């Protein structure tokens, strides 16, 4: 469940980002192919080099399962509540994909799903759709708490991430949202967005208010 209503263009970017990381960087082989020990070791080494922010918390196979769960949840009709571990995975995958897309390094040109998108503004996406980025504080969060005990209000998972702890099974579970947690904007029609074709830069500019 995102901070703002996810339009179809953002969802296309999100799905491409998760699938790119999964298929191109973490798996690289068909799902029915069993890699050799040497191939698995090579994949693990590549994963360590490409995703240092995720390595302390997820083995490569575990991260594949987390991404699969995120893809299923993002395509479901129901809403799910991610933990900060999920937000961290989403952040890193989007960051990697946006950088590759903007550098024309995805191998698909400007194509993102059914769209043609020029530059993707990663920082604007985070500002629009992420509630916060407490999961990025790292050890500095623990130092700040030591200096001002009880002052910071962050999630239990953000504290665990700051301490470098791997997620427990409950930390890795996407919980269905309760009715009381569903924001009012989710029940309202989303702003119109093209279902395919040329988009230009993304996010789209908000329409300017009529001064008259």
N, C-alpha and C. Protein backbone atom coordinates (compact mmCIF):
# COMPACT_ATOMS: atom_id res chain seq x y z
N UNK A 1 0.86 -1.19 0.00
CA UNK A 1 0.00 0.00 0.00
C UNK A 1 0.89 1.23 0.00
N UNK A 2 0.75 2.04 -1.02
CA UNK A 2 1.64 3.18 -1.20
C UNK A 2 1.05 4.44 -0.60
N UNK A 3 1.90 5.45 -0.44
CA UNK A 3 1.45 6.71 0.13
C UNK A 3 0.45 7.42 -0.78
N UNK A 4 0.68 7.34 -2.09
CA UNK A 4 -0.22 7.95 -3.06
C UNK A 4 -0.79 6.89 -3.98
N UNK A 5 -1.90 7.18 -4.65
CA UNK A 5 -2.52 6.19 -5.53
C UNK A 5 -1.60 5.81 -6.68
N UNK A 6 -1.30 4.53 -6.84
CA UNK A 6 -0.38 4.10 -7.90
C UNK A 6 -1.07 4.06 -9.26
N UNK A 7 -0.69 4.97 -10.13
CA UNK A 7 -1.27 4.96 -11.48
C UNK A 7 -0.66 3.82 -12.29
N UNK A 8 -1.29 3.47 -13.43
CA UNK A 8 -0.79 2.34 -14.23
C UNK A 8 0.66 2.50 -14.69
N UNK A 9 1.09 3.72 -14.90
CA UNK A 9 2.47 3.94 -15.35
C UNK A 9 3.46 3.57 -14.25
N UNK A 10 3.18 4.02 -13.03
CA UNK A 10 4.05 3.65 -11.92
C UNK A 10 4.07 2.14 -11.71
N UNK A 11 2.90 1.50 -11.81
CA UNK A 11 2.86 0.05 -11.62
C UNK A 11 3.67 -0.66 -12.70
N UNK A 12 3.65 -0.14 -13.93
CA UNK A 12 4.47 -0.73 -14.99
C UNK A 12 5.95 -0.62 -14.65
N UNK A 13 6.36 0.55 -14.14
CA UNK A 13 7.76 0.75 -13.73
C UNK A 13 8.11 -0.20 -12.59
N UNK A 14 7.22 -0.30 -11.61
CA UNK A 14 7.47 -1.17 -10.46
C UNK A 14 7.63 -2.61 -10.88
N UNK A 15 6.73 -3.10 -11.73
CA UNK A 15 6.81 -4.49 -12.16
C UNK A 15 8.06 -4.75 -12.98
N UNK A 16 8.40 -3.83 -13.87
CA UNK A 16 9.62 -4.00 -14.66
C UNK A 16 10.85 -4.01 -13.75
N UNK A 17 10.85 -3.15 -12.74
CA UNK A 17 11.98 -3.08 -11.82
C UNK A 17 12.16 -4.39 -11.07
N UNK A 18 11.07 -4.90 -10.50
CA UNK A 18 11.15 -6.16 -9.74
C UNK A 18 11.53 -7.32 -10.64
N UNK A 19 10.93 -7.38 -11.82
CA UNK A 19 11.23 -8.49 -12.74
C UNK A 19 12.65 -8.40 -13.27
N UNK A 20 13.13 -7.18 -13.52
CA UNK A 20 14.50 -7.04 -14.01
C UNK A 20 15.50 -7.55 -12.97
N UNK A 21 15.33 -7.10 -11.72
CA UNK A 21 16.26 -7.54 -10.67
C UNK A 21 16.18 -9.06 -10.50
N UNK A 22 14.96 -9.58 -10.49
CA UNK A 22 14.80 -11.02 -10.29
C UNK A 22 15.43 -11.83 -11.43
N UNK A 23 15.01 -11.52 -12.66
CA UNK A 23 15.36 -12.37 -13.79
C UNK A 23 16.75 -12.11 -14.33
N UNK A 24 17.17 -10.85 -14.34
CA UNK A 24 18.46 -10.51 -14.96
C UNK A 24 19.63 -10.58 -14.00
N UNK A 25 19.39 -10.33 -12.71
CA UNK A 25 20.50 -10.26 -11.76
C UNK A 25 20.53 -11.40 -10.76
N UNK A 26 19.36 -11.88 -10.33
CA UNK A 26 19.33 -12.89 -9.26
C UNK A 26 19.20 -14.31 -9.76
N UNK A 27 18.51 -14.51 -10.87
CA UNK A 27 18.24 -15.87 -11.36
C UNK A 27 19.02 -16.15 -12.64
N UNK A 28 18.75 -15.39 -13.68
CA UNK A 28 19.45 -15.45 -14.97
C UNK A 28 19.17 -16.72 -15.77
N UNK A 29 18.62 -17.75 -15.14
CA UNK A 29 18.31 -18.99 -15.85
C UNK A 29 16.81 -19.23 -15.84
N UNK A 30 16.35 -20.10 -16.72
CA UNK A 30 14.94 -20.50 -16.69
C UNK A 30 14.60 -21.11 -15.34
N UNK A 31 13.35 -20.94 -14.92
CA UNK A 31 12.95 -21.45 -13.61
C UNK A 31 13.07 -22.97 -13.53
N UNK A 32 13.00 -23.67 -14.67
CA UNK A 32 13.09 -25.12 -14.64
C UNK A 32 14.53 -25.63 -14.78
N UNK A 33 15.49 -24.69 -14.83
CA UNK A 33 16.90 -25.08 -14.94
C UNK A 33 17.55 -25.07 -13.56
N UNK A 34 18.30 -26.10 -13.25
CA UNK A 34 18.99 -26.17 -11.97
C UNK A 34 20.46 -25.79 -12.17
N UNK A 35 20.87 -24.60 -11.71
CA UNK A 35 22.26 -24.17 -11.91
C UNK A 35 23.24 -25.08 -11.20
N UNK A 36 24.43 -25.17 -11.74
CA UNK A 36 25.49 -25.92 -11.08
C UNK A 36 25.98 -25.15 -9.85
N UNK A 37 26.77 -25.80 -9.04
CA UNK A 37 27.33 -25.15 -7.84
C UNK A 37 28.15 -23.93 -8.23
N UNK A 38 28.95 -24.05 -9.31
CA UNK A 38 29.77 -22.93 -9.76
C UNK A 38 28.89 -21.78 -10.25
N UNK A 39 27.81 -22.11 -10.94
CA UNK A 39 26.90 -21.06 -11.43
C UNK A 39 26.20 -20.37 -10.28
N UNK A 40 25.80 -21.13 -9.25
CA UNK A 40 25.17 -20.51 -8.09
C UNK A 40 26.14 -19.60 -7.35
N UNK A 41 27.39 -20.04 -7.25
CA UNK A 41 28.39 -19.22 -6.58
C UNK A 41 28.63 -17.92 -7.35
N UNK A 42 28.66 -18.02 -8.66
CA UNK A 42 28.84 -16.82 -9.48
C UNK A 42 27.67 -15.86 -9.32
N UNK A 43 26.45 -16.40 -9.26
CA UNK A 43 25.28 -15.56 -9.04
C UNK A 43 25.32 -14.89 -7.67
N UNK A 44 25.74 -15.64 -6.66
CA UNK A 44 25.83 -15.09 -5.31
C UNK A 44 26.86 -13.96 -5.25
N UNK A 45 27.99 -14.13 -5.93
CA UNK A 45 29.02 -13.09 -5.94
C UNK A 45 28.52 -11.84 -6.68
N UNK A 46 27.82 -12.05 -7.78
CA UNK A 46 27.26 -10.92 -8.52
C UNK A 46 26.23 -10.19 -7.68
N UNK A 47 25.39 -10.94 -6.97
CA UNK A 47 24.39 -10.34 -6.09
C UNK A 47 25.06 -9.48 -5.03
N UNK A 48 26.14 -9.98 -4.43
CA UNK A 48 26.85 -9.22 -3.40
C UNK A 48 27.41 -7.91 -3.95
N UNK A 49 27.88 -7.95 -5.19
CA UNK A 49 28.45 -6.74 -5.80
C UNK A 49 27.38 -5.72 -6.17
N UNK A 50 26.23 -6.21 -6.67
CA UNK A 50 25.21 -5.31 -7.20
C UNK A 50 24.29 -4.74 -6.12
N UNK A 51 24.06 -5.51 -5.06
CA UNK A 51 23.05 -5.12 -4.08
C UNK A 51 23.56 -5.16 -2.64
N UNK A 52 24.59 -4.37 -2.34
CA UNK A 52 25.16 -4.40 -0.99
C UNK A 52 24.17 -3.97 0.09
N UNK A 53 23.15 -3.17 -0.26
CA UNK A 53 22.17 -2.76 0.75
C UNK A 53 21.26 -3.91 1.18
N UNK A 54 21.14 -4.92 0.32
CA UNK A 54 20.23 -6.03 0.61
C UNK A 54 20.93 -7.27 1.15
N UNK A 55 22.21 -7.42 0.83
CA UNK A 55 22.95 -8.62 1.19
C UNK A 55 22.91 -8.92 2.69
N UNK A 56 23.01 -7.91 3.59
CA UNK A 56 22.99 -8.23 5.03
C UNK A 56 21.67 -8.86 5.49
N UNK A 57 20.60 -8.72 4.71
CA UNK A 57 19.29 -9.12 5.19
C UNK A 57 18.68 -10.31 4.44
N UNK A 58 19.12 -10.54 3.22
CA UNK A 58 18.53 -11.59 2.40
C UNK A 58 19.61 -12.37 1.67
N UNK A 59 19.50 -13.69 1.72
CA UNK A 59 20.28 -14.49 0.79
C UNK A 59 19.67 -14.27 -0.60
N UNK A 60 20.41 -14.63 -1.62
CA UNK A 60 19.87 -14.45 -2.98
C UNK A 60 18.57 -15.24 -3.19
N UNK A 61 18.50 -16.54 -2.83
CA UNK A 61 17.22 -17.25 -3.01
C UNK A 61 16.09 -16.64 -2.18
N UNK A 62 16.39 -16.17 -0.96
CA UNK A 62 15.36 -15.55 -0.15
C UNK A 62 14.85 -14.27 -0.80
N UNK A 63 15.73 -13.49 -1.38
CA UNK A 63 15.32 -12.25 -2.04
C UNK A 63 14.43 -12.56 -3.25
N UNK A 64 14.73 -13.62 -3.96
CA UNK A 64 13.87 -14.02 -5.09
C UNK A 64 12.45 -14.28 -4.60
N UNK A 65 12.32 -14.99 -3.46
CA UNK A 65 10.99 -15.29 -2.92
C UNK A 65 10.28 -14.00 -2.47
N UNK A 66 11.02 -13.08 -1.87
CA UNK A 66 10.42 -11.82 -1.45
C UNK A 66 9.91 -11.04 -2.66
N UNK A 67 10.71 -10.98 -3.71
CA UNK A 67 10.29 -10.27 -4.93
C UNK A 67 9.08 -10.94 -5.55
N UNK A 68 9.05 -12.27 -5.58
CA UNK A 68 7.88 -12.97 -6.11
C UNK A 68 6.62 -12.61 -5.33
N UNK A 69 6.74 -12.53 -4.01
CA UNK A 69 5.59 -12.16 -3.18
C UNK A 69 5.15 -10.73 -3.45
N UNK A 70 6.12 -9.82 -3.63
CA UNK A 70 5.78 -8.44 -3.92
C UNK A 70 5.09 -8.31 -5.28
N UNK A 71 5.54 -9.06 -6.25
CA UNK A 71 4.90 -9.03 -7.57
C UNK A 71 3.46 -9.53 -7.48
N UNK A 72 3.25 -10.63 -6.76
CA UNK A 72 1.88 -11.15 -6.62
C UNK A 72 0.99 -10.15 -5.92
N UNK A 73 1.49 -9.56 -4.83
CA UNK A 73 0.68 -8.62 -4.06
C UNK A 73 0.35 -7.37 -4.87
N UNK A 74 1.32 -6.90 -5.67
CA UNK A 74 1.10 -5.67 -6.43
C UNK A 74 0.11 -5.86 -7.57
N UNK A 75 -0.16 -7.11 -7.94
CA UNK A 75 -1.10 -7.41 -9.02
C UNK A 75 -2.45 -7.89 -8.50
N UNK A 76 -2.57 -8.00 -7.18
CA UNK A 76 -3.81 -8.49 -6.58
C UNK A 76 -4.81 -7.35 -6.41
N UNK A 77 -6.07 -7.72 -6.26
CA UNK A 77 -7.11 -6.72 -6.01
C UNK A 77 -7.07 -6.22 -4.57
N UNK A 78 -6.65 -7.07 -3.65
CA UNK A 78 -6.58 -6.68 -2.25
C UNK A 78 -5.35 -5.82 -2.00
N UNK A 79 -5.41 -5.08 -0.89
CA UNK A 79 -4.27 -4.26 -0.48
C UNK A 79 -3.47 -4.99 0.58
N UNK A 80 -2.15 -4.81 0.53
CA UNK A 80 -1.26 -5.43 1.50
C UNK A 80 -0.39 -4.37 2.16
N UNK A 81 0.00 -4.66 3.40
CA UNK A 81 0.82 -3.72 4.17
C UNK A 81 2.26 -4.25 4.20
N UNK A 82 3.19 -3.59 3.49
CA UNK A 82 4.59 -4.02 3.52
C UNK A 82 5.24 -3.65 4.86
N UNK A 83 6.23 -4.42 5.25
CA UNK A 83 7.08 -4.01 6.37
C UNK A 83 8.25 -3.19 5.81
N UNK A 84 9.05 -2.63 6.69
CA UNK A 84 10.18 -1.84 6.21
C UNK A 84 11.18 -2.69 5.44
N UNK A 85 11.23 -3.99 5.68
CA UNK A 85 12.09 -4.85 4.87
C UNK A 85 11.60 -4.88 3.42
N UNK A 86 10.28 -4.93 3.23
CA UNK A 86 9.74 -4.88 1.87
C UNK A 86 10.00 -3.52 1.22
N UNK A 87 9.82 -2.45 1.99
CA UNK A 87 10.08 -1.12 1.44
C UNK A 87 11.54 -0.99 1.01
N UNK A 88 12.44 -1.59 1.77
CA UNK A 88 13.86 -1.54 1.40
C UNK A 88 14.09 -2.24 0.07
N UNK A 89 13.47 -3.41 -0.13
CA UNK A 89 13.61 -4.14 -1.38
C UNK A 89 13.02 -3.32 -2.54
N UNK A 90 11.84 -2.76 -2.33
CA UNK A 90 11.22 -1.93 -3.38
C UNK A 90 12.11 -0.75 -3.74
N UNK A 91 12.65 -0.10 -2.73
CA UNK A 91 13.51 1.07 -2.95
C UNK A 91 14.73 0.70 -3.79
N UNK A 92 15.42 -0.37 -3.40
CA UNK A 92 16.65 -0.76 -4.09
C UNK A 92 16.36 -1.20 -5.52
N UNK A 93 15.28 -1.96 -5.72
CA UNK A 93 14.94 -2.42 -7.07
C UNK A 93 14.58 -1.24 -7.98
N UNK A 94 13.79 -0.32 -7.45
CA UNK A 94 13.43 0.86 -8.25
C UNK A 94 14.66 1.71 -8.55
N UNK A 95 15.53 1.87 -7.56
CA UNK A 95 16.74 2.67 -7.76
C UNK A 95 17.61 2.07 -8.87
N UNK A 96 17.81 0.77 -8.82
CA UNK A 96 18.62 0.10 -9.84
C UNK A 96 17.99 0.24 -11.21
N UNK A 97 16.68 -0.04 -11.29
CA UNK A 97 16.02 -0.02 -12.60
C UNK A 97 15.98 1.39 -13.19
N UNK A 98 15.66 2.38 -12.37
CA UNK A 98 15.59 3.75 -12.89
C UNK A 98 16.95 4.20 -13.41
N UNK A 99 18.02 3.86 -12.69
CA UNK A 99 19.36 4.21 -13.16
C UNK A 99 19.65 3.55 -14.51
N UNK A 100 19.32 2.27 -14.63
CA UNK A 100 19.56 1.55 -15.89
C UNK A 100 18.71 2.13 -17.01
N UNK A 101 17.45 2.40 -16.73
CA UNK A 101 16.57 2.95 -17.76
C UNK A 101 17.09 4.31 -18.25
N UNK A 102 17.46 5.16 -17.30
CA UNK A 102 17.91 6.51 -17.68
C UNK A 102 19.24 6.47 -18.42
N UNK A 103 20.02 5.41 -18.21
CA UNK A 103 21.29 5.25 -18.93
C UNK A 103 21.13 4.44 -20.21
N UNK A 104 19.86 4.11 -20.55
CA UNK A 104 19.57 3.31 -21.75
C UNK A 104 20.31 1.98 -21.70
N UNK A 105 20.27 1.35 -20.50
CA UNK A 105 21.03 0.11 -20.31
C UNK A 105 20.14 -1.09 -19.98
N UNK A 106 18.82 -0.97 -20.19
CA UNK A 106 17.94 -2.10 -19.92
C UNK A 106 17.82 -3.04 -21.11
N UNK A 107 18.26 -2.58 -22.27
CA UNK A 107 18.13 -3.39 -23.48
C UNK A 107 16.78 -3.26 -24.15
N UNK A 108 15.93 -2.39 -23.63
CA UNK A 108 14.59 -2.20 -24.22
C UNK A 108 14.35 -0.76 -24.65
N UNK A 109 15.39 0.05 -24.68
CA UNK A 109 15.23 1.46 -25.04
C UNK A 109 14.37 2.18 -24.03
N UNK A 110 13.41 2.94 -24.51
CA UNK A 110 12.50 3.67 -23.62
C UNK A 110 11.30 2.83 -23.21
N UNK A 111 11.22 1.60 -23.68
CA UNK A 111 10.05 0.76 -23.42
C UNK A 111 10.02 0.31 -21.97
N UNK A 112 8.88 0.55 -21.30
CA UNK A 112 8.62 0.08 -19.94
C UNK A 112 7.22 -0.51 -19.95
N UNK A 113 7.11 -1.83 -20.01
CA UNK A 113 5.80 -2.44 -20.15
C UNK A 113 5.15 -1.98 -21.43
N UNK A 114 3.95 -1.42 -21.32
CA UNK A 114 3.21 -0.96 -22.49
C UNK A 114 3.51 0.50 -22.83
N UNK A 115 4.48 1.09 -22.14
CA UNK A 115 4.74 2.52 -22.30
C UNK A 115 6.12 2.79 -22.90
N UNK A 116 6.26 3.99 -23.44
CA UNK A 116 7.55 4.53 -23.80
C UNK A 116 7.80 5.73 -22.89
N UNK A 117 8.79 5.60 -22.03
CA UNK A 117 9.04 6.61 -21.01
C UNK A 117 10.45 7.16 -21.20
N UNK A 118 10.56 8.47 -21.17
CA UNK A 118 11.89 9.08 -21.24
C UNK A 118 12.57 8.90 -19.88
N UNK A 119 13.09 9.94 -19.28
CA UNK A 119 13.76 9.80 -17.99
C UNK A 119 12.74 9.52 -16.89
N UNK A 120 13.11 8.67 -15.93
CA UNK A 120 12.30 8.39 -14.75
C UNK A 120 12.97 9.07 -13.56
N UNK A 121 12.23 9.93 -12.89
CA UNK A 121 12.76 10.66 -11.74
C UNK A 121 12.58 9.81 -10.49
N UNK A 122 13.63 9.10 -10.13
CA UNK A 122 13.57 8.18 -8.99
C UNK A 122 13.22 8.91 -7.70
N UNK A 123 13.86 10.04 -7.44
CA UNK A 123 13.60 10.77 -6.20
C UNK A 123 12.15 11.21 -6.11
N UNK A 124 11.57 11.64 -7.23
CA UNK A 124 10.17 12.06 -7.24
C UNK A 124 9.24 10.88 -6.98
N UNK A 125 9.60 9.71 -7.50
CA UNK A 125 8.80 8.52 -7.24
C UNK A 125 8.80 8.19 -5.75
N UNK A 126 9.97 8.26 -5.14
CA UNK A 126 10.05 7.96 -3.70
C UNK A 126 9.23 8.97 -2.91
N UNK A 127 9.33 10.24 -3.24
CA UNK A 127 8.57 11.27 -2.53
C UNK A 127 7.07 11.05 -2.67
N UNK A 128 6.64 10.58 -3.82
CA UNK A 128 5.21 10.46 -4.09
C UNK A 128 4.61 9.19 -3.51
N UNK A 129 5.33 8.09 -3.57
CA UNK A 129 4.71 6.81 -3.25
C UNK A 129 5.19 6.16 -1.95
N UNK A 130 6.31 6.58 -1.40
CA UNK A 130 6.82 5.98 -0.17
C UNK A 130 6.42 6.83 1.03
N UNK A 131 5.98 6.17 2.09
CA UNK A 131 5.58 6.89 3.30
C UNK A 131 6.78 7.60 3.93
N UNK A 132 7.89 6.88 4.00
CA UNK A 132 9.13 7.44 4.54
C UNK A 132 10.27 6.53 4.10
N UNK A 133 11.47 6.90 4.46
CA UNK A 133 12.64 6.06 4.15
C UNK A 133 13.44 5.80 5.43
N UNK A 134 12.74 5.53 6.52
CA UNK A 134 13.40 5.24 7.79
C UNK A 134 14.32 4.02 7.68
N UNK A 135 14.01 3.12 6.74
CA UNK A 135 14.80 1.90 6.57
C UNK A 135 16.20 2.19 6.05
N UNK A 136 16.47 3.43 5.64
CA UNK A 136 17.80 3.78 5.12
C UNK A 136 18.70 4.41 6.18
N UNK A 137 18.18 4.62 7.39
CA UNK A 137 18.97 5.31 8.42
C UNK A 137 20.26 4.58 8.77
N UNK A 138 20.20 3.25 8.82
CA UNK A 138 21.38 2.49 9.17
C UNK A 138 21.78 2.70 10.62
N UNK A 139 23.06 2.42 10.96
CA UNK A 139 23.51 2.55 12.35
C UNK A 139 23.31 3.94 12.94
N UNK A 140 23.20 4.96 12.09
CA UNK A 140 22.98 6.31 12.60
C UNK A 140 21.70 6.40 13.42
N UNK A 141 20.72 5.54 13.10
CA UNK A 141 19.47 5.53 13.86
C UNK A 141 19.72 5.10 15.30
N UNK A 142 20.57 4.10 15.48
CA UNK A 142 20.88 3.62 16.83
C UNK A 142 21.65 4.68 17.61
N UNK A 143 22.54 5.38 16.94
CA UNK A 143 23.31 6.44 17.59
C UNK A 143 22.40 7.58 18.02
N UNK A 144 21.44 7.92 17.15
CA UNK A 144 20.50 8.99 17.49
C UNK A 144 19.63 8.60 18.67
N UNK A 145 19.22 7.35 18.74
CA UNK A 145 18.40 6.89 19.86
C UNK A 145 19.20 6.91 21.16
N UNK A 146 20.48 6.57 21.06
CA UNK A 146 21.32 6.59 22.26
C UNK A 146 21.45 8.00 22.82
N UNK A 147 21.52 9.00 21.94
CA UNK A 147 21.66 10.38 22.39
C UNK A 147 20.33 10.96 22.88
N UNK A 148 19.21 10.53 22.24
CA UNK A 148 17.89 11.05 22.61
C UNK A 148 16.91 9.89 22.75
N UNK A 149 17.00 9.12 23.83
CA UNK A 149 16.15 7.94 24.00
C UNK A 149 14.66 8.28 23.93
N UNK A 150 13.94 7.48 23.14
CA UNK A 150 12.50 7.64 23.03
C UNK A 150 12.04 8.77 22.15
N UNK A 151 12.96 9.50 21.53
CA UNK A 151 12.57 10.65 20.72
C UNK A 151 12.10 10.23 19.34
N UNK A 152 12.75 9.21 18.78
CA UNK A 152 12.44 8.80 17.41
C UNK A 152 11.25 7.84 17.38
N UNK A 153 10.40 7.99 16.39
CA UNK A 153 9.24 7.13 16.21
C UNK A 153 9.37 6.41 14.87
N UNK A 154 9.94 5.24 14.90
CA UNK A 154 10.11 4.44 13.68
C UNK A 154 9.60 3.03 13.96
N UNK A 155 9.43 2.26 12.90
CA UNK A 155 8.88 0.92 13.05
C UNK A 155 9.90 -0.03 13.68
N UNK A 156 9.36 -1.15 14.18
CA UNK A 156 10.24 -2.18 14.75
C UNK A 156 11.21 -2.70 13.70
N UNK A 157 10.73 -2.84 12.46
CA UNK A 157 11.61 -3.34 11.40
C UNK A 157 12.71 -2.34 11.07
N UNK A 158 12.41 -1.04 11.14
CA UNK A 158 13.45 -0.04 10.87
C UNK A 158 14.57 -0.14 11.89
N UNK A 159 14.21 -0.40 13.16
CA UNK A 159 15.24 -0.59 14.18
C UNK A 159 16.08 -1.82 13.87
N UNK A 160 15.43 -2.90 13.45
CA UNK A 160 16.15 -4.13 13.15
C UNK A 160 17.08 -3.95 11.95
N UNK A 161 16.60 -3.23 10.94
CA UNK A 161 17.45 -2.96 9.78
C UNK A 161 18.66 -2.12 10.20
N UNK A 162 18.42 -1.12 11.04
CA UNK A 162 19.53 -0.29 11.52
C UNK A 162 20.56 -1.11 12.27
N UNK A 163 20.10 -2.17 12.94
CA UNK A 163 21.01 -3.03 13.71
C UNK A 163 21.61 -4.13 12.84
N UNK A 164 21.22 -4.21 11.57
CA UNK A 164 21.77 -5.22 10.67
C UNK A 164 21.20 -6.60 10.87
N UNK A 165 19.97 -6.70 11.43
CA UNK A 165 19.35 -7.99 11.72
C UNK A 165 18.52 -8.48 10.54
N UNK A 166 18.59 -9.75 10.27
CA UNK A 166 17.80 -10.34 9.20
C UNK A 166 16.32 -10.37 9.60
N UNK A 167 15.41 -10.36 8.62
CA UNK A 167 13.99 -10.37 8.96
C UNK A 167 13.54 -11.70 9.52
N UNK A 168 12.64 -11.65 10.49
CA UNK A 168 11.98 -12.86 10.98
C UNK A 168 10.89 -13.24 9.99
N UNK A 169 10.28 -14.43 10.14
CA UNK A 169 9.17 -14.78 9.24
C UNK A 169 8.05 -13.74 9.23
N UNK A 170 7.74 -13.16 10.37
CA UNK A 170 6.68 -12.15 10.41
C UNK A 170 7.12 -10.87 9.70
N UNK A 171 8.42 -10.56 9.74
CA UNK A 171 8.92 -9.38 9.05
C UNK A 171 8.84 -9.54 7.53
N UNK A 172 8.82 -10.78 7.07
CA UNK A 172 8.81 -11.06 5.63
C UNK A 172 7.40 -11.27 5.09
N UNK A 173 6.41 -11.24 5.98
CA UNK A 173 5.04 -11.52 5.55
C UNK A 173 4.34 -10.24 5.13
N UNK A 174 3.70 -10.28 3.97
CA UNK A 174 2.86 -9.17 3.52
C UNK A 174 1.48 -9.35 4.12
N UNK A 175 1.11 -8.48 5.03
CA UNK A 175 -0.16 -8.61 5.74
C UNK A 175 -1.28 -7.92 4.97
N UNK A 176 -2.42 -8.61 4.79
CA UNK A 176 -3.56 -7.93 4.16
C UNK A 176 -4.00 -6.73 4.99
N UNK A 177 -4.32 -5.64 4.33
CA UNK A 177 -4.72 -4.43 5.03
C UNK A 177 -6.11 -4.58 5.61
N UNK A 178 -6.29 -4.06 6.83
CA UNK A 178 -7.63 -3.99 7.42
C UNK A 178 -8.42 -2.87 6.77
N UNK A 179 -9.73 -2.96 6.85
CA UNK A 179 -10.58 -1.94 6.25
C UNK A 179 -10.24 -0.55 6.79
N UNK A 180 -9.94 -0.46 8.09
CA UNK A 180 -9.65 0.84 8.70
C UNK A 180 -8.34 1.43 8.21
N UNK A 181 -7.47 0.58 7.62
CA UNK A 181 -6.19 1.05 7.15
C UNK A 181 -6.23 1.55 5.71
N UNK A 182 -7.32 1.29 5.01
CA UNK A 182 -7.42 1.67 3.60
C UNK A 182 -7.73 3.16 3.52
N UNK A 183 -6.84 3.95 2.94
CA UNK A 183 -7.07 5.40 2.88
C UNK A 183 -8.24 5.75 1.97
N UNK A 184 -8.81 6.92 2.21
CA UNK A 184 -9.99 7.34 1.46
C UNK A 184 -9.70 7.44 -0.03
N UNK A 185 -8.47 7.88 -0.37
CA UNK A 185 -8.18 8.07 -1.78
C UNK A 185 -8.22 6.77 -2.58
N UNK A 186 -8.08 5.60 -1.86
CA UNK A 186 -8.09 4.33 -2.59
C UNK A 186 -9.48 4.02 -3.13
N UNK A 187 -10.49 4.57 -2.51
CA UNK A 187 -11.86 4.32 -2.94
C UNK A 187 -12.30 5.30 -4.03
N UNK A 188 -11.48 6.30 -4.31
CA UNK A 188 -11.83 7.30 -5.30
C UNK A 188 -11.22 6.93 -6.66
N UNK A 189 -11.83 7.34 -7.76
CA UNK A 189 -11.27 7.05 -9.08
C UNK A 189 -9.88 7.67 -9.22
N UNK A 190 -8.97 6.91 -9.80
CA UNK A 190 -7.62 7.43 -10.02
C UNK A 190 -7.62 8.45 -11.15
N UNK A 191 -6.64 9.33 -11.09
CA UNK A 191 -6.48 10.30 -12.18
C UNK A 191 -6.26 9.54 -13.49
N UNK A 192 -6.80 10.08 -14.57
CA UNK A 192 -6.68 9.39 -15.85
C UNK A 192 -5.23 9.32 -16.29
N UNK A 193 -4.84 8.17 -16.78
CA UNK A 193 -3.50 7.98 -17.30
C UNK A 193 -3.61 7.08 -18.52
N UNK A 194 -2.77 7.28 -19.52
CA UNK A 194 -2.85 6.41 -20.71
C UNK A 194 -2.56 4.96 -20.35
N UNK A 195 -3.18 4.04 -21.06
CA UNK A 195 -2.97 2.62 -20.79
C UNK A 195 -1.76 2.09 -21.56
N UNK A 196 -1.25 2.89 -22.50
CA UNK A 196 -0.07 2.49 -23.26
C UNK A 196 0.42 3.70 -24.04
N UNK A 197 1.55 3.51 -24.72
CA UNK A 197 2.06 4.55 -25.61
C UNK A 197 3.08 5.46 -24.98
N UNK A 198 3.36 6.56 -25.66
CA UNK A 198 4.39 7.49 -25.24
C UNK A 198 3.94 8.29 -24.03
N UNK A 199 4.83 8.41 -23.06
CA UNK A 199 4.54 9.11 -21.82
C UNK A 199 5.37 10.38 -21.68
N UNK A 200 6.66 10.31 -22.06
CA UNK A 200 7.58 11.40 -21.77
C UNK A 200 8.25 11.15 -20.44
N UNK A 201 8.73 12.18 -19.77
CA UNK A 201 9.33 11.98 -18.45
C UNK A 201 8.28 11.53 -17.44
N UNK A 202 8.72 10.80 -16.42
CA UNK A 202 7.81 10.36 -15.36
C UNK A 202 8.48 10.63 -14.01
N UNK A 203 7.71 11.05 -12.98
CA UNK A 203 6.26 11.19 -12.90
C UNK A 203 5.71 12.30 -13.78
N UNK A 204 4.44 12.13 -14.14
CA UNK A 204 3.76 13.14 -14.92
C UNK A 204 3.57 14.39 -14.06
N UNK A 205 3.61 15.53 -14.69
CA UNK A 205 3.40 16.77 -13.95
C UNK A 205 1.95 16.86 -13.47
N UNK A 206 1.80 17.33 -12.24
CA UNK A 206 0.46 17.57 -11.74
C UNK A 206 -0.15 18.75 -12.47
N UNK A 207 -1.43 18.70 -12.81
CA UNK A 207 -2.05 19.85 -13.49
C UNK A 207 -2.03 21.06 -12.58
N UNK A 208 -1.70 22.22 -13.18
CA UNK A 208 -1.64 23.45 -12.39
C UNK A 208 -3.03 23.95 -12.05
N UNK A 209 -3.17 24.47 -10.84
CA UNK A 209 -4.46 24.97 -10.40
C UNK A 209 -4.85 26.19 -11.22
N UNK A 210 -6.13 26.33 -11.50
CA UNK A 210 -6.64 27.47 -12.25
C UNK A 210 -6.68 28.69 -11.33
N UNK A 211 -5.87 29.70 -11.65
CA UNK A 211 -5.79 30.87 -10.80
C UNK A 211 -7.05 31.71 -10.87
N UNK A 212 -7.88 31.48 -11.90
CA UNK A 212 -9.12 32.23 -12.00
C UNK A 212 -10.19 31.55 -11.17
